[in-house]
Protein backbone atom coordinates (compact mmCIF):
# COMPACT_ATOMS: atom_id res chain seq x y z
CA UNK A 1 -15.20 79.57 43.24
CA UNK A 2 -17.55 79.44 40.24
CA UNK A 3 -14.61 79.62 37.82
CA UNK A 4 -12.84 76.77 39.67
CA UNK A 5 -15.96 74.61 39.49
CA UNK A 6 -16.45 75.31 35.77
CA UNK A 7 -12.79 74.50 35.07
CA UNK A 8 -13.05 71.24 36.99
CA UNK A 9 -16.22 70.22 35.11
CA UNK A 10 -14.52 71.06 31.82
CA UNK A 11 -11.53 68.87 32.67
CA UNK A 12 -13.82 65.97 33.65
CA UNK A 13 -15.69 66.26 30.34
CA UNK A 14 -12.42 66.32 28.36
CA UNK A 15 -11.09 63.29 30.24
CA UNK A 16 -14.34 61.36 29.66
CA UNK A 17 -14.29 62.16 25.95
CA UNK A 18 -10.68 60.99 25.69
CA UNK A 19 -11.51 57.73 27.50
CA UNK A 20 -14.49 56.98 25.25
CA UNK A 21 -12.41 57.75 22.15
CA UNK A 22 -9.64 55.45 23.40
CA UNK A 23 -12.09 52.58 24.03
CA UNK A 24 -13.64 53.07 20.60
CA UNK A 25 -10.22 52.92 18.95
CA UNK A 26 -9.32 49.74 20.85
CA UNK A 27 -12.63 48.16 19.85
CA UNK A 28 -12.09 49.11 16.23
CA UNK A 29 -8.62 47.60 16.30
CA UNK A 30 -9.80 44.28 17.81
CA UNK A 31 -9.88 41.71 15.00
CA UNK A 32 -13.19 39.93 14.44
CA UNK A 33 -13.31 36.32 15.62
CA UNK A 34 -13.51 33.98 12.64
CA UNK A 35 -16.05 31.21 13.07
CA UNK A 36 -16.79 28.01 11.18
CA UNK A 37 -19.65 25.53 11.24
CA UNK A 38 -18.89 22.45 13.33
CA UNK A 39 -21.10 19.36 13.10
CA UNK A 40 -20.74 16.60 15.69
CA UNK A 41 -22.17 13.14 15.09
CA UNK A 42 -21.89 9.80 16.87
CA UNK A 43 -21.48 6.21 15.76
CA UNK A 44 -20.30 2.80 16.93
CA UNK A 45 -17.02 1.16 15.94
CA UNK A 46 -14.35 -1.47 16.58
CA UNK A 47 -10.97 0.09 17.43
CA UNK A 48 -9.01 -2.91 16.19
CA UNK A 49 -9.94 -2.15 12.56
CA UNK A 50 -6.75 -1.80 10.54
CA UNK A 51 -7.89 1.47 8.99
CA UNK A 52 -8.97 3.83 11.79
CA UNK A 53 -11.02 5.84 9.30
CA UNK A 54 -13.05 2.85 8.11
CA UNK A 55 -16.68 2.64 9.08
CA UNK A 56 -17.70 -0.44 11.05
CA UNK A 57 -20.04 -2.79 9.25
CA UNK A 58 -19.15 -6.05 11.05
CA UNK A 59 -21.16 -6.15 14.26
CA UNK A 60 -19.65 -9.39 15.56
CA UNK A 61 -16.97 -9.09 18.23
CA UNK A 62 -15.84 -12.44 19.56
CA UNK A 63 -18.89 -14.12 21.10
CA UNK A 64 -20.75 -10.79 21.05
CA UNK A 65 -23.06 -9.91 18.13
CA UNK A 66 -24.77 -6.50 18.21
CA UNK A 67 -28.39 -5.95 17.15
CA UNK A 68 -29.15 -2.49 18.59
CA UNK A 69 -27.48 0.15 20.75
CA UNK A 70 -29.12 3.25 22.25
CA UNK A 71 -27.37 5.96 24.25
CA UNK A 72 -28.98 8.90 26.07
CA UNK A 73 -26.86 12.07 26.34
CA UNK A 74 -27.10 15.78 27.12
CA UNK A 75 -24.97 18.89 27.85
CA UNK A 76 -22.50 18.38 25.03
CA UNK A 77 -19.74 20.97 24.67
CA UNK A 78 -16.43 21.43 22.86
CA UNK A 79 -13.51 22.90 24.81
CA UNK A 80 -10.99 25.16 23.04
CA UNK A 81 -7.33 24.38 23.70
CA UNK A 82 -6.25 27.75 25.11
CA UNK A 83 -3.28 29.63 23.63
CA UNK A 84 -2.15 33.24 23.96
CA UNK A 85 -3.91 33.97 20.65
CA UNK A 86 -7.20 32.55 21.88
CA UNK A 87 -7.77 34.76 24.94
CA UNK A 88 -10.67 36.66 23.36
CA UNK A 89 -12.35 33.56 21.91
CA UNK A 90 -15.13 31.67 23.72
CA UNK A 91 -13.39 28.71 25.38
CA UNK A 92 -16.56 26.60 25.50
CA UNK A 93 -18.81 25.85 22.54
CA UNK A 94 -22.18 24.49 23.68
CA UNK A 95 -23.53 21.88 21.27
CA UNK A 96 -26.50 20.69 23.32
CA UNK A 97 -27.77 21.95 26.67
CA UNK A 98 -30.76 20.68 28.66
CA UNK A 99 -31.96 18.84 25.56
CA UNK A 100 -31.61 15.09 26.26
CA UNK A 101 -31.12 13.09 23.09
CA UNK A 102 -31.29 9.35 22.42
CA UNK A 103 -28.67 8.24 19.91
CA UNK A 104 -29.63 5.10 17.99
CA UNK A 105 -26.09 4.00 17.16
CA UNK A 106 -27.21 0.60 15.85
CA UNK A 107 -30.70 -0.12 14.52
CA UNK A 108 -31.83 -3.52 13.21
CA UNK A 109 -28.22 -4.65 12.97
CA UNK A 110 -27.13 -1.59 10.97
CA UNK A 111 -24.57 0.91 12.26
CA UNK A 112 -25.87 4.49 12.16
CA UNK A 113 -24.21 7.90 12.15
CA UNK A 114 -26.42 10.15 14.27
CA UNK A 115 -26.04 13.92 14.32
CA UNK A 116 -25.78 15.42 17.80
CA UNK A 117 -25.69 19.06 16.75
CA UNK A 118 -24.29 21.72 14.46
CA UNK A 119 -23.06 25.13 15.69
CA UNK A 120 -20.77 28.00 14.78
CA UNK A 121 -17.46 27.79 16.65
CA UNK A 122 -14.43 30.08 16.79
CA UNK A 123 -11.60 28.83 14.59
CA UNK A 124 -8.85 27.20 16.64
CA UNK A 125 -7.67 23.88 18.01
CA UNK A 126 -10.07 22.01 20.26
CA UNK A 127 -8.80 19.49 22.78
CA UNK A 128 -11.81 18.14 24.69
CA UNK A 129 -15.44 17.16 24.40
CA UNK A 130 -17.62 16.99 27.50
CA UNK A 131 -20.98 15.25 27.60
CA UNK A 132 -23.35 13.83 30.18
CA UNK A 133 -24.86 10.37 30.13
CA UNK A 134 -28.41 10.86 31.41
CA UNK A 135 -31.51 8.78 31.97
CA UNK A 136 -33.63 8.83 28.85
CA UNK A 137 -36.67 11.10 28.92
CA UNK A 138 -39.18 8.44 27.85
CA UNK A 139 -42.44 6.85 29.13
CA UNK A 140 -42.20 4.15 31.80
CA UNK A 141 -43.07 1.39 29.34
CA UNK A 142 -40.14 2.31 27.02
CA UNK A 143 -37.13 -0.03 27.08
CA UNK A 144 -34.86 2.99 27.74
CA UNK A 145 -36.78 4.15 30.83
CA UNK A 146 -34.38 4.75 33.73
CA UNK A 147 -31.36 3.96 31.53
CA UNK A 148 -28.62 5.86 29.74
CA UNK A 149 -27.40 2.92 27.59
CA UNK A 150 -29.36 -0.05 26.30
CA UNK A 151 -28.07 -2.71 23.93
CA UNK A 152 -29.67 -5.82 22.47
CA UNK A 153 -27.08 -8.41 21.52
CA UNK A 154 -26.47 -12.10 21.10
CA UNK A 155 -23.89 -13.45 23.54
CA UNK A 156 -22.63 -17.03 23.08
CA UNK A 157 -25.59 -17.56 20.74
CA UNK A 158 -28.08 -16.55 23.46
CA UNK A 159 -30.21 -13.35 23.26
CA UNK A 160 -28.89 -10.77 25.72
CA UNK A 161 -29.58 -7.25 26.98
CA UNK A 162 -27.05 -4.83 28.42
CA UNK A 163 -28.70 -2.06 30.49
CA UNK A 164 -26.67 0.80 31.97
CA UNK A 165 -28.23 3.37 34.32
CA UNK A 166 -25.32 5.72 35.03
CA UNK A 167 -25.79 9.48 35.10
CA UNK A 168 -22.34 10.97 34.85
CA UNK A 169 -20.15 13.45 32.95
CA UNK A 170 -17.74 12.01 30.40
CA UNK A 171 -14.57 13.71 29.22
CA UNK A 172 -13.25 12.82 25.77
CA UNK A 173 -9.78 14.24 25.11
CA UNK A 174 -8.16 14.60 21.69
CA UNK A 175 -4.46 14.14 22.34
CA UNK A 176 -3.39 15.92 19.16
CA UNK A 177 -6.32 18.32 19.07
CA UNK A 178 -8.79 18.85 16.23
CA UNK A 179 -8.38 22.07 14.28
CA UNK A 180 -11.38 24.10 13.19
CA UNK A 181 -10.58 26.38 10.25
CA UNK A 182 -13.53 26.10 7.92
CA UNK A 183 -16.55 23.78 8.05
CA UNK A 184 -15.65 20.70 10.09
CA UNK A 185 -17.31 17.35 10.77
CA UNK A 186 -16.37 15.54 13.98
CA UNK A 187 -17.28 11.98 14.84
CA UNK A 188 -17.73 10.65 18.37
CA UNK A 189 -17.24 6.89 18.28
CA UNK A 190 -18.10 4.33 20.94
CA UNK A 191 -15.76 1.38 20.46
CA UNK A 192 -17.45 -1.88 21.44
CA UNK A 193 -14.17 -3.77 21.93
CA UNK A 194 -13.11 -1.15 24.51
CA UNK A 195 -16.61 -1.19 26.00
CA UNK A 196 -16.17 -4.92 26.74
CA UNK A 197 -12.47 -4.80 27.62
CA UNK A 198 -11.59 -6.94 30.63
CA UNK A 199 -15.02 -8.58 30.81
CA UNK A 200 -14.48 -12.28 31.49
CA UNK A 201 -16.89 -14.24 29.25
CA UNK A 202 -16.96 -17.01 31.85
CA UNK A 203 -18.67 -14.60 34.26
CA UNK A 204 -21.57 -13.90 31.89
CA UNK A 205 -24.51 -16.31 31.93
CA UNK A 206 -28.29 -16.68 31.90
CA UNK A 207 -28.39 -17.12 35.64
CA UNK A 208 -32.15 -17.57 36.02
CA UNK A 209 -32.47 -19.77 32.94
CA UNK A 210 -35.20 -17.72 31.24
CA UNK A 211 -33.47 -17.75 27.86
CA UNK A 212 -32.20 -14.16 28.13
CA UNK A 213 -28.78 -13.07 29.41
CA UNK A 214 -29.26 -9.84 31.35
CA UNK A 215 -26.37 -7.56 32.32
CA UNK A 216 -27.65 -4.60 34.29
CA UNK A 217 -27.82 -2.73 37.58
CA UNK A 218 -30.43 -5.10 39.06
CA UNK A 219 -28.07 -8.12 38.73
CA UNK A 220 -30.97 -10.33 37.64
CA UNK A 221 -28.71 -13.05 36.22
CA UNK A 222 -25.81 -12.60 38.65
CA UNK A 223 -23.70 -10.73 36.09
CA UNK A 224 -22.81 -7.92 38.49
CA UNK A 225 -19.06 -8.16 37.97
CA UNK A 226 -19.43 -7.93 34.20
CA UNK A 227 -21.73 -4.91 34.65
CA UNK A 228 -19.18 -3.12 36.85
CA UNK A 229 -16.41 -3.78 34.31
CA UNK A 230 -18.50 -2.39 31.44
CA UNK A 231 -19.44 0.76 33.41
CA UNK A 232 -15.78 1.40 34.27
CA UNK A 233 -14.89 1.12 30.55
CA UNK A 234 -17.42 3.62 29.17
CA UNK A 235 -15.33 6.79 29.19
CA UNK A 236 -12.28 5.07 27.68
CA UNK A 237 -14.50 3.52 24.99
CA UNK A 238 -15.35 6.99 23.62
CA UNK A 239 -13.10 8.61 21.04
CA UNK A 240 -13.40 11.78 19.01
CA UNK A 241 -11.90 12.23 15.57
CA UNK A 242 -12.22 14.07 12.32
CA UNK A 243 -15.43 12.91 10.69
CA UNK A 244 -13.89 11.78 7.41
CA UNK A 245 -14.43 8.06 6.89
CA UNK A 246 -14.83 5.61 4.08
CA UNK A 247 -17.09 2.60 3.73
CA UNK A 248 -15.34 -0.71 4.01
């Protein structure tokens, strides 16, 4: 009985050693995941520009002239386009998490490029960017309080404010994918012409006659329909592309 027990223990030890050796060999044979630095920034643009890589400097769009645009975001992540070769790579690259950020896309009439974050990401082709529009984390007396988007503009020659209070996840898809294979800059662009698409200018007015056109959730000037149209356009107004651009 003692001999049988010793033999069984010996066999268990041999089997365990073989298993550990096998796992070690598999680990040693697993190729290291190559990573590159990815920097994501945001800006504002006009999609109708002839050269899609040109940077917007003209802030007039029809009867709409832009003075400032602020956007509050959080939980930004890149999504890897999965292939059979990518099974061992992280499919989600977190750029920003539980760190609300206000992006000043236009300041004092000047378009800005604002960095959202820079991280190391596995090389591969990425097909989506997810981000949340969130209420800005600011004091009550700040113009962004309770809002996720705030723009000061001139509409039909009259000062105007566009205030958006949505809190929602946005999905930006790159139809052709963006390849990461070495340091890569990516640019998230909000296109103002798409932002205003379908908004009937005749429906926008200074309803209470105080000298300021207000488009917002409180419907102060009776511009509720225009507000709803703008909110429905937000996701389609966002586009991601390679960050290479040239001044125009």
